[in-house]
C-alpha atoms as a PDB file:
ATOM      1  CA  MET A   1     -55.628 -17.137  33.469  1.00  0.00           C
ATOM      2  CA  GLY A   2     -51.935 -16.745  34.399  1.00  0.00           C
ATOM      3  CA  THR A   3     -50.202 -16.344  37.743  1.00  0.00           C
ATOM      4  CA  PRO A   4     -50.450 -13.136  39.682  1.00  0.00           C
ATOM      5  CA  ALA A   5     -46.878 -12.292  38.846  1.00  0.00           C
ATOM      6  CA  GLU A   6     -47.587 -12.625  35.030  1.00  0.00           C
ATOM      7  CA  LYS A   7     -50.710 -10.164  35.724  1.00  0.00           C
ATOM      8  CA  ILE A   8     -48.411  -7.643  37.173  1.00  0.00           C
ATOM      9  CA  ILE A   9     -45.512  -8.050  34.680  1.00  0.00           C
ATOM     10  CA  THR A  10     -47.631  -8.019  31.403  1.00  0.00           C
ATOM     11  CA  PRO A  11     -48.966  -4.500  31.668  1.00  0.00           C
ATOM     12  CA  LEU A  12     -45.343  -3.355  32.417  1.00  0.00           C
ATOM     13  CA  VAL A  13     -44.134  -4.846  29.074  1.00  0.00           C
ATOM     14  CA  GLU A  14     -47.059  -3.997  26.949  1.00  0.00           C
ATOM     15  CA  GLU A  15     -46.784  -0.238  28.003  1.00  0.00           C
ATOM     16  CA  PRO A  16     -43.438   0.390  26.619  1.00  0.00           C
ATOM     17  CA  ARG A  17     -44.136  -1.514  23.427  1.00  0.00           C
ATOM     18  CA  LYS A  18     -47.092   0.638  22.955  1.00  0.00           C
ATOM     19  CA  ASP A  19     -44.877   3.750  23.437  1.00  0.00           C
ATOM     20  CA  MET A  20     -42.312   2.409  20.947  1.00  0.00           C
ATOM     21  CA  TYR A  21     -45.032   1.664  18.370  1.00  0.00           C
ATOM     22  CA  ALA A  22     -46.383   5.214  18.757  1.00  0.00           C
ATOM     23  CA  GLU A  23     -42.927   6.765  18.459  1.00  0.00           C
ATOM     24  CA  LEU A  24     -42.059   4.748  15.333  1.00  0.00           C
ATOM     25  CA  MET A  25     -45.430   5.706  13.640  1.00  0.00           C
ATOM     26  CA  ARG A  26     -44.546   9.402  14.517  1.00  0.00           C
ATOM     27  CA  ARG A  27     -41.231   9.213  12.994  1.00  0.00           C
ATOM     28  CA  LYS A  28     -42.592   7.503   9.841  1.00  0.00           C
ATOM     29  CA  LYS A  29     -45.198  10.342   9.574  1.00  0.00           C
ATOM     30  CA  ILE A  30     -42.455  12.891  10.015  1.00  0.00           C
ATOM     31  CA  LEU A  31     -40.354  11.154   7.382  1.00  0.00           C
ATOM     32  CA  PHE A  32     -43.395  10.892   4.990  1.00  0.00           C
ATOM     33  CA  LYS A  33     -44.088  14.661   5.343  1.00  0.00           C
ATOM     34  CA  ASN A  34     -40.375  15.467   4.709  1.00  0.00           C
ATOM     35  CA  GLN A  35     -40.151  13.276   1.717  1.00  0.00           C
ATOM     36  CA  LEU A  36     -43.473  14.845   0.421  1.00  0.00           C
ATOM     37  CA  PHE A  37     -42.066  18.339   0.884  1.00  0.00           C
ATOM     38  CA  ILE A  38     -38.879  17.640  -0.922  1.00  0.00           C
ATOM     39  CA  TRP A  39     -40.704  16.026  -3.897  1.00  0.00           C
ATOM     40  CA  ALA A  40     -42.949  19.011  -3.984  1.00  0.00           C
ATOM     41  CA  ILE A  41     -39.777  21.280  -4.239  1.00  0.00           C
ATOM     42  CA  ILE A  42     -38.285  19.139  -6.878  1.00  0.00           C
ATOM     43  CA  ILE A  43     -41.399  19.084  -8.968  1.00  0.00           C
ATOM     44  CA  ALA A  44     -42.044  22.675  -8.686  1.00  0.00           C
ATOM     45  CA  MET A  45     -38.384  23.394  -9.816  1.00  0.00           C
ATOM     46  CA  ILE A  46     -38.724  21.183 -12.815  1.00  0.00           C
ATOM     47  CA  VAL A  47     -42.124  22.869 -13.799  1.00  0.00           C
ATOM     48  CA  TRP A  48     -40.416  26.327 -13.245  1.00  0.00           C
ATOM     49  CA  GLY A  49     -37.364  25.328 -15.374  1.00  0.00           C
ATOM     50  CA  TRP A  50     -39.443  23.822 -18.170  1.00  0.00           C
ATOM     51  CA  THR A  51     -41.530  26.882 -18.519  1.00  0.00           C
ATOM     52  CA  GLY A  52     -38.588  29.303 -18.029  1.00  0.00           C
ATOM     53  CA  THR A  53     -36.611  27.736 -20.863  1.00  0.00           C
ATOM     54  CA  ASN A  54     -39.609  27.292 -23.022  1.00  0.00           C
ATOM     55  CA  PHE A  55     -38.671  23.623 -23.383  1.00  0.00           C
ATOM     56  CA  ASN A  56     -40.662  21.633 -25.783  1.00  0.00           C
ATOM     57  CA  LEU A  57     -40.246  18.030 -26.788  1.00  0.00           C
ATOM     58  CA  SER A  58     -40.861  18.948 -30.421  1.00  0.00           C
ATOM     59  CA  PHE A  59     -37.637  20.926 -30.347  1.00  0.00           C
ATOM     60  CA  LEU A  60     -35.835  17.694 -29.727  1.00  0.00           C
ATOM     61  CA  TYR A  61     -37.076  16.151 -32.930  1.00  0.00           C
ATOM     62  CA  LYS A  62     -36.368  19.191 -34.953  1.00  0.00           C
ATOM     63  CA  GLY A  63     -32.974  19.808 -33.436  1.00  0.00           C
ATOM     64  CA  THR A  64     -31.852  16.125 -33.939  1.00  0.00           C
ATOM     65  CA  THR A  65     -32.937  16.246 -37.483  1.00  0.00           C
ATOM     66  CA  ASN A  66     -31.058  19.546 -38.212  1.00  0.00           C
ATOM     67  CA  MET A  67     -28.061  18.184 -36.443  1.00  0.00           C
ATOM     68  CA  ALA A  68     -28.026  15.021 -38.508  1.00  0.00           C
ATOM     69  CA  VAL A  69     -28.269  17.103 -41.773  1.00  0.00           C
ATOM     70  CA  PHE A  70     -25.404  19.213 -40.688  1.00  0.00           C
ATOM     71  CA  ILE A  71     -23.128  16.304 -39.584  1.00  0.00           C
ATOM     72  CA  PHE A  72     -23.856  14.211 -42.862  1.00  0.00           C
ATOM     73  CA  THR A  73     -23.806  17.050 -45.324  1.00  0.00           C
ATOM     74  CA  ASP A  74     -21.196  19.614 -43.859  1.00  0.00           C
ATOM     75  CA  LEU A  75     -19.022  17.835 -41.485  1.00  0.00           C
ATOM     76  CA  LEU A  76     -18.785  14.514 -43.261  1.00  0.00           C
ATOM     77  CA  PRO A  77     -16.674  13.277 -45.057  1.00  0.00           C
ATOM     78  CA  PRO A  78     -13.614  14.918 -43.263  1.00  0.00           C
ATOM     79  CA  ASP A  79     -11.126  16.641 -45.420  1.00  0.00           C
ATOM     80  CA  ILE A  80      -7.999  14.356 -44.631  1.00  0.00           C
ATOM     81  CA  SER A  81      -5.659  16.853 -46.388  1.00  0.00           C
ATOM     82  CA  ALA A  82      -6.229  19.186 -43.401  1.00  0.00           C
ATOM     83  CA  ILE A  83      -4.465  16.708 -41.069  1.00  0.00           C
ATOM     84  CA  GLY A  84      -1.171  18.538 -41.517  1.00  0.00           C
ATOM     85  CA  SER A  85      -2.441  21.933 -40.170  1.00  0.00           C
ATOM     86  CA  TYR A  86      -3.522  20.218 -36.990  1.00  0.00           C
ATOM     87  CA  ILE A  87      -0.198  18.460 -36.121  1.00  0.00           C
ATOM     88  CA  GLN A  88       1.682  21.386 -34.606  1.00  0.00           C
ATOM     89  CA  PRO A  89      -1.383  22.832 -32.881  1.00  0.00           C
ATOM     90  CA  ALA A  90      -2.199  19.167 -31.382  1.00  0.00           C
ATOM     91  CA  LEU A  91       1.371  19.117 -29.984  1.00  0.00           C
ATOM     92  CA  GLN A  92       0.918  22.671 -28.604  1.00  0.00           C
ATOM     93  CA  THR A  93      -2.208  21.374 -26.869  1.00  0.00           C
ATOM     94  CA  ILE A  94      -0.226  18.510 -25.209  1.00  0.00           C
ATOM     95  CA  TYR A  95       2.573  21.054 -24.284  1.00  0.00           C
ATOM     96  CA  MET A  96      -0.017  23.437 -22.713  1.00  0.00           C
ATOM     97  CA  SER A  97      -1.865  20.572 -20.830  1.00  0.00           C
ATOM     98  CA  PHE A  98       1.277  19.166 -19.337  1.00  0.00           C
ATOM     99  CA  VAL A  99       3.004  22.441 -18.333  1.00  0.00           C
ATOM    100  CA  GLY A 100      -0.256  23.880 -17.108  1.00  0.00           C
ATOM    101  CA  MET A 101      -0.737  20.481 -14.975  1.00  0.00           C
ATOM    102  CA  VAL A 102       2.815  20.980 -13.428  1.00  0.00           C
ATOM    103  CA  PHE A 103       2.106  24.662 -12.612  1.00  0.00           C
ATOM    104  CA  SER A 104      -1.167  23.762 -11.046  1.00  0.00           C
ATOM    105  CA  VAL A 105       0.331  20.807  -8.997  1.00  0.00           C
ATOM    106  CA  VAL A 106       3.257  23.031  -7.576  1.00  0.00           C
ATOM    107  CA  LEU A 107       0.967  25.828  -6.487  1.00  0.00           C
ATOM    108  CA  SER A 108      -1.762  23.384  -5.309  1.00  0.00           C
ATOM    109  CA  ILE A 109       0.586  21.461  -2.930  1.00  0.00           C
ATOM    110  CA  PHE A 110       1.427  24.710  -1.258  1.00  0.00           C
ATOM    111  CA  PHE A 111      -2.176  25.902  -0.959  1.00  0.00           C
ATOM    112  CA  GLY A 112      -3.405  22.334  -0.164  1.00  0.00           C
ATOM    113  CA  PHE A 113      -0.959  21.781   2.785  1.00  0.00           C
ATOM    114  CA  MET A 114      -1.820  25.243   3.948  1.00  0.00           C
ATOM    115  CA  ALA A 115      -5.555  25.049   3.553  1.00  0.00           C
ATOM    116  CA  ALA A 116      -5.968  21.565   5.324  1.00  0.00           C
ATOM    117  CA  LYS A 117      -6.619  21.934   9.088  1.00  0.00           C
ATOM    118  CA  ASN A 118      -4.214  19.204  10.046  1.00  0.00           C
ATOM    119  CA  THR A 119      -1.226  20.324   8.328  1.00  0.00           C
ATOM    120  CA  THR A 120      -1.389  24.112   8.225  1.00  0.00           C
ATOM    121  CA  PHE A 121       0.642  26.490  10.480  1.00  0.00           C
ATOM    122  CA  HIS A 122      -2.469  28.314  11.816  1.00  0.00           C
ATOM    123  CA  PRO A 123      -6.141  28.310  11.501  1.00  0.00           C
ATOM    124  CA  LEU A 124      -6.119  31.800   9.888  1.00  0.00           C
ATOM    125  CA  VAL A 125      -3.605  30.639   7.378  1.00  0.00           C
ATOM    126  CA  ALA A 126      -6.126  27.711   6.437  1.00  0.00           C
ATOM    127  CA  LEU A 127      -8.955  30.022   6.137  1.00  0.00           C
ATOM    128  CA  VAL A 128      -7.000  32.371   3.886  1.00  0.00           C
ATOM    129  CA  SER A 129      -5.791  29.410   1.692  1.00  0.00           C
ATOM    130  CA  ARG A 130      -9.296  28.009   1.260  1.00  0.00           C
ATOM    131  CA  SER A 131     -10.657  31.434   0.380  1.00  0.00           C
ATOM    132  CA  ILE A 132      -8.027  31.904  -2.374  1.00  0.00           C
ATOM    133  CA  VAL A 133      -8.577  28.472  -3.716  1.00  0.00           C
ATOM    134  CA  ALA A 134     -12.304  28.937  -3.670  1.00  0.00           C
ATOM    135  CA  PHE A 135     -11.828  32.398  -5.490  1.00  0.00           C
ATOM    136  CA  ILE A 136      -9.793  30.664  -8.191  1.00  0.00           C
ATOM    137  CA  ARG A 137     -12.271  27.753  -8.555  1.00  0.00           C
ATOM    138  CA  ALA A 138     -15.202  30.236  -8.931  1.00  0.00           C
ATOM    139  CA  THR A 139     -13.451  31.928 -11.884  1.00  0.00           C
ATOM    140  CA  PRO A 140     -13.848  29.968 -15.139  1.00  0.00           C
ATOM    141  CA  ALA A 141     -10.753  29.060 -17.144  1.00  0.00           C
ATOM    142  CA  LEU A 142     -12.300  30.677 -20.101  1.00  0.00           C
ATOM    143  CA  ILE A 143     -12.586  34.113 -18.309  1.00  0.00           C
ATOM    144  CA  LEU A 144      -8.926  33.706 -17.103  1.00  0.00           C
ATOM    145  CA  ALA A 145      -7.863  32.910 -20.611  1.00  0.00           C
ATOM    146  CA  ILE A 146      -9.533  36.197 -21.883  1.00  0.00           C
ATOM    147  CA  ILE A 147      -7.778  38.367 -19.361  1.00  0.00           C
ATOM    148  CA  LEU A 148      -4.365  36.581 -19.916  1.00  0.00           C
ATOM    149  CA  VAL A 149      -4.880  36.939 -23.907  1.00  0.00           C
ATOM    150  CA  VAL A 150      -5.255  40.718 -23.274  1.00  0.00           C
ATOM    151  CA  ALA A 151      -2.198  40.870 -21.071  1.00  0.00           C
ATOM    152  CA  PHE A 152       0.186  38.525 -22.847  1.00  0.00           C
ATOM    153  CA  GLY A 153      -1.355  38.366 -26.392  1.00  0.00           C
ATOM    154  CA  LEU A 154      -2.542  35.481 -28.548  1.00  0.00           C
ATOM    155  CA  GLY A 155      -0.570  32.273 -28.133  1.00  0.00           C
ATOM    156  CA  THR A 156       0.134  29.283 -25.988  1.00  0.00           C
ATOM    157  CA  LEU A 157       1.675  31.187 -23.223  1.00  0.00           C
ATOM    158  CA  SER A 158      -1.848  32.621 -22.192  1.00  0.00           C
ATOM    159  CA  GLY A 159      -3.528  29.359 -22.524  1.00  0.00           C
ATOM    160  CA  THR A 160      -0.962  27.626 -20.543  1.00  0.00           C
ATOM    161  CA  LEU A 161      -1.010  30.185 -17.589  1.00  0.00           C
ATOM    162  CA  ALA A 162      -4.920  29.927 -17.777  1.00  0.00           C
ATOM    163  CA  LEU A 163      -4.796  26.219 -17.408  1.00  0.00           C
ATOM    164  CA  GLY A 164      -2.357  26.380 -14.564  1.00  0.00           C
ATOM    165  CA  ILE A 165      -4.095  29.002 -12.586  1.00  0.00           C
ATOM    166  CA  SER A 166      -7.625  27.471 -12.987  1.00  0.00           C
ATOM    167  CA  GLY A 167      -6.096  24.089 -12.090  1.00  0.00           C
ATOM    168  CA  VAL A 168      -5.258  25.440  -8.542  1.00  0.00           C
ATOM    169  CA  GLY A 169      -9.004  25.969  -7.796  1.00  0.00           C
ATOM    170  CA  ILE A 170      -9.626  22.208  -8.428  1.00  0.00           C
ATOM    171  CA  LEU A 171      -6.395  20.526  -7.020  1.00  0.00           C
ATOM    172  CA  GLY A 172      -5.885  22.974  -4.167  1.00  0.00           C
ATOM    173  CA  LYS A 173      -9.242  21.951  -2.718  1.00  0.00           C
ATOM    174  CA  ALA A 174      -8.775  18.220  -3.679  1.00  0.00           C
ATOM    175  CA  PHE A 175      -5.409  18.078  -2.136  1.00  0.00           C
ATOM    176  CA  ALA A 176      -6.631  19.853   1.052  1.00  0.00           C
ATOM    177  CA  ASP A 177      -9.578  17.411   1.358  1.00  0.00           C
ATOM    178  CA  VAL A 178      -7.451  14.251   0.930  1.00  0.00           C
ATOM    179  CA  LEU A 179      -4.828  15.699   3.635  1.00  0.00           C
ATOM    180  CA  GLU A 180      -7.729  16.087   6.069  1.00  0.00           C
ATOM    181  CA  GLU A 181      -8.838  12.511   5.568  1.00  0.00           C
ATOM    182  CA  ILE A 182      -5.523  10.987   6.459  1.00  0.00           C
ATOM    183  CA  ASP A 183      -4.913   8.718   9.539  1.00  0.00           C
ATOM    184  CA  GLN A 184      -3.864  11.351  12.262  1.00  0.00           C
ATOM    185  CA  GLY A 185      -2.677   8.536  14.370  1.00  0.00           C
ATOM    186  CA  GLN A 186       0.392   8.021  12.110  1.00  0.00           C
ATOM    187  CA  VAL A 187       1.142  11.619  12.075  1.00  0.00           C
ATOM    188  CA  ASP A 188       1.003  11.928  15.868  1.00  0.00           C
ATOM    189  CA  ALA A 189       3.231   9.098  16.276  1.00  0.00           C
ATOM    190  CA  VAL A 190       5.980  10.572  14.008  1.00  0.00           C
ATOM    191  CA  ARG A 191       5.584  13.990  15.749  1.00  0.00           C
ATOM    192  CA  ALA A 192       5.975  12.298  19.206  1.00  0.00           C
ATOM    193  CA  THR A 193       9.413  11.297  18.190  1.00  0.00           C
ATOM    194  CA  GLY A 194      10.226  14.988  18.062  1.00  0.00           C
ATOM    195  CA  ALA A 195      10.412  15.258  14.323  1.00  0.00           C
ATOM    196  CA  SER A 196      10.265  18.739  12.677  1.00  0.00           C
ATOM    197  CA  TRP A 197       7.214  19.892  10.606  1.00  0.00           C
ATOM    198  CA  PHE A 198       8.922  18.731   7.315  1.00  0.00           C
ATOM    199  CA  GLN A 199       9.876  15.544   8.881  1.00  0.00           C
ATOM    200  CA  VAL A 200       6.459  14.976  10.110  1.00  0.00           C
ATOM    201  CA  MET A 201       5.023  15.844   6.433  1.00  0.00           C
ATOM    202  CA  GLY A 202       7.638  13.451   4.801  1.00  0.00           C
ATOM    203  CA  GLN A 203       7.210  10.491   7.161  1.00  0.00           C
ATOM    204  CA  GLY A 204       3.747  10.723   8.388  1.00  0.00           C
ATOM    205  CA  VAL A 205       1.591  12.695   5.917  1.00  0.00           C
ATOM    206  CA  TRP A 206       3.316  12.010   2.447  1.00  0.00           C
ATOM    207  CA  PRO A 207       2.842   8.116   2.350  1.00  0.00           C
ATOM    208  CA  GLN A 208      -0.706   8.574   2.882  1.00  0.00           C
ATOM    209  CA  PHE A 209      -1.195  11.594   0.541  1.00  0.00           C
ATOM    210  CA  LYS A 210       0.714  10.148  -2.345  1.00  0.00           C
ATOM    211  CA  THR A 211      -2.250   7.948  -3.752  1.00  0.00           C
ATOM    212  CA  GLY A 212      -4.593  10.847  -3.900  1.00  0.00           C
ATOM    213  CA  PHE A 213      -1.895  13.348  -5.123  1.00  0.00           C
ATOM    214  CA  VAL A 214      -0.872  11.066  -8.288  1.00  0.00           C
ATOM    215  CA  ALA A 215      -4.632  10.486  -8.906  1.00  0.00           C
ATOM    216  CA  TRP A 216      -5.923  13.951  -9.048  1.00  0.00           C
ATOM    217  CA  SER A 217      -2.714  15.272 -10.667  1.00  0.00           C
ATOM    218  CA  LEU A 218      -3.162  12.851 -13.618  1.00  0.00           C
ATOM    219  CA  TYR A 219      -6.902  13.629 -13.784  1.00  0.00           C
ATOM    220  CA  LYS A 220      -6.085  17.306 -14.164  1.00  0.00           C
ATOM    221  CA  MET A 221      -3.958  16.412 -17.144  1.00  0.00           C
ATOM    222  CA  ASP A 222      -6.933  14.708 -18.706  1.00  0.00           C
ATOM    223  CA  LEU A 223      -9.101  17.759 -17.981  1.00  0.00           C
ATOM    224  CA  ASN A 224      -6.479  20.128 -19.313  1.00  0.00           C
ATOM    225  CA  ILE A 225      -6.738  18.412 -22.858  1.00  0.00           C
ATOM    226  CA  ARG A 226     -10.345  19.313 -23.081  1.00  0.00           C
ATOM    227  CA  GLU A 227      -9.906  22.744 -21.698  1.00  0.00           C
ATOM    228  CA  ALA A 228      -7.010  23.635 -23.987  1.00  0.00           C
ATOM    229  CA  ALA A 229      -8.962  22.729 -26.781  1.00  0.00           C
ATOM    230  CA  VAL A 230     -11.767  25.205 -25.764  1.00  0.00           C
ATOM    231  CA  LEU A 231      -9.266  27.861 -24.694  1.00  0.00           C
ATOM    232  CA  GLY A 232      -7.897  27.765 -28.381  1.00  0.00           C
ATOM    233  CA  LEU A 233     -11.227  29.045 -29.731  1.00  0.00           C
ATOM    234  CA  ILE A 234     -10.348  32.467 -27.993  1.00  0.00           C
ATOM    235  CA  GLY A 235      -6.963  32.740 -29.229  1.00  0.00           C
ATOM    236  CA  ALA A 236      -5.162  30.958 -26.462  1.00  0.00           C
ATOM    237  CA  GLY A 237      -3.245  28.622 -28.836  1.00  0.00           C
ATOM    238  CA  GLY A 238      -3.443  25.008 -29.477  1.00  0.00           C
ATOM    239  CA  ILE A 239      -5.627  22.896 -31.658  1.00  0.00           C
ATOM    240  CA  GLY A 240      -8.764  25.024 -30.802  1.00  0.00           C
ATOM    241  CA  TYR A 241      -7.355  28.020 -32.396  1.00  0.00           C
ATOM    242  CA  THR A 242      -6.903  26.171 -35.775  1.00  0.00           C
ATOM    243  CA  LEU A 243     -10.231  24.590 -35.289  1.00  0.00           C
ATOM    244  CA  GLN A 244     -11.778  28.052 -34.811  1.00  0.00           C
ATOM    245  CA  GLY A 245     -10.298  29.251 -38.057  1.00  0.00           C
ATOM    246  CA  HIS A 246     -11.705  26.611 -40.155  1.00  0.00           C
ATOM    247  CA  ILE A 247     -15.176  27.102 -38.626  1.00  0.00           C
ATOM    248  CA  ASN A 248     -15.020  30.847 -39.415  1.00  0.00           C
ATOM    249  CA  LEU A 249     -14.307  29.953 -42.968  1.00  0.00           C
ATOM    250  CA  PHE A 250     -17.170  27.583 -43.004  1.00  0.00           C
ATOM    251  CA  GLN A 251     -14.632  24.775 -43.889  1.00  0.00           C
ATOM    252  CA  TYR A 252     -16.628  22.112 -41.833  1.00  0.00           C
ATOM    253  CA  ASN A 253     -14.958  19.320 -43.530  1.00  0.00           C
ATOM    254  CA  LYS A 254     -11.723  20.538 -42.311  1.00  0.00           C
ATOM    255  CA  ALA A 255     -13.113  21.221 -38.731  1.00  0.00           C
ATOM    256  CA  SER A 256     -14.339  17.618 -38.585  1.00  0.00           C
ATOM    257  CA  VAL A 257     -10.575  16.536 -38.843  1.00  0.00           C
ATOM    258  CA  GLY A 258      -9.716  18.777 -35.684  1.00  0.00           C
ATOM    259  CA  ILE A 259     -12.844  17.374 -33.714  1.00  0.00           C
ATOM    260  CA  ALA A 260     -11.627  13.811 -34.515  1.00  0.00           C
ATOM    261  CA  MET A 261      -8.007  14.784 -33.459  1.00  0.00           C
ATOM    262  CA  ILE A 262      -9.223  16.116 -30.092  1.00  0.00           C
ATOM    263  CA  PHE A 263     -11.185  12.892 -29.505  1.00  0.00           C
ATOM    264  CA  PHE A 264      -8.104  10.855 -30.133  1.00  0.00           C
ATOM    265  CA  LEU A 265      -5.854  13.110 -28.068  1.00  0.00           C
ATOM    266  CA  ILE A 266      -8.210  12.617 -25.206  1.00  0.00           C
ATOM    267  CA  LEU A 267      -8.252   8.763 -25.553  1.00  0.00           C
ATOM    268  CA  ILE A 268      -4.445   8.708 -25.733  1.00  0.00           C
ATOM    269  CA  VAL A 269      -4.059  10.803 -22.652  1.00  0.00           C
ATOM    270  CA  GLU A 270      -6.691   8.805 -20.813  1.00  0.00           C
ATOM    271  CA  PHE A 271      -4.771   5.606 -21.738  1.00  0.00           C
ATOM    272  CA  THR A 272      -1.426   6.963 -20.816  1.00  0.00           C
ATOM    273  CA  THR A 273      -2.566   8.448 -17.396  1.00  0.00           C
ATOM    274  CA  ALA A 274      -4.169   5.124 -16.588  1.00  0.00           C
ATOM    275  CA  LYS A 275      -0.899   3.325 -17.213  1.00  0.00           C
ATOM    276  CA  VAL A 276       1.034   5.799 -15.266  1.00  0.00           C
ATOM    277  CA  ARG A 277      -1.314   5.529 -12.364  1.00  0.00           C
ATOM    278  CA  GLU A 278      -0.886   1.738 -12.383  1.00  0.00           C
ATOM    279  CA  ARG A 279       2.879   1.929 -12.422  1.00  0.00           C
ATOM    280  CA  LEU A 280       3.049   4.641  -9.642  1.00  0.00           C
ATOM    281  CA  LEU A 281       0.213   3.171  -7.397  1.00  0.00           C
END
C-alpha cells in the first residue's frame, strides 16, 4: 500500500524518469537518422564513382595477369651491369633530398612561427602566412619542377628547388600546428619575467617545439627521396632521370635495377632518420 508520503514522492520520481527515457529515445532516433543519412551518402558516392570510372572486377584479373607477364618477362631478371649508371644519379637524389629538406626547414620555421596564433606578431601576419603556405601546399611538386625546369633548365638545381619550395607547404603547416598545441602556461611564465620575444621563443617555445620540429623535418627527408625519384622523370635530375632514359629505350631489365635502387635508398633513409630521431629525442 505504502505510506502517504511514499504515494506523494513516487509520482514525483517516476515523472522525471519518463521524461529522461523519452529524451533518450528521441536522441537515439536522431542519431539513427543521421547515421542512415551518412551511410546513404557514402553508398551513393561509391555507386557514382563505380559507374563513373567504369570499374569492373574482371579488369583486376586481367590487369594482374598482364602485370605478372610484364614483370617476369620484361623487368626480370635485372641487368646488373646497369648498376654503374645509377650510382651517380642515386647520390644526386640524396643530395637533392637533403638540400631540399634544409631549404624547406629554414623557410618553414619562419612561416610556421608567423602562421601560429600564439607566436605571430599580428593576426594579419598569421593570416597571410597561412595563405602562402596553403597556396604552396596546393601546388604539386611536379608542377613546380616543370616550371623550374623551364626557368633553370634540366638538372638537379631545378629538382632541389622544387623539393625545397614544395616542402614549405607541408612543414609550414605542420610547424604552425605544433606551435599552437604547446603549453601556453610555460610561455606566459617566461614572458612574465620581462623577456623579449626572442627570449620567449628560445626559453618557452623551443623546448616544447623541438620534438615536433625534428620529427617532421626527418619525415620530409624521407618524403624527398620518393619525390626526387619522380621529379627526375621530367628532367629534374637524380635517379629518376636515368630510370626514365632506360624506360624510353625499352630497356626494362636496366630499369628494374633503378627501381630496386630507389627501394633500397628509401629503406636506408628510413633507417637512418629513425636512428637520428632516437639520438636527438
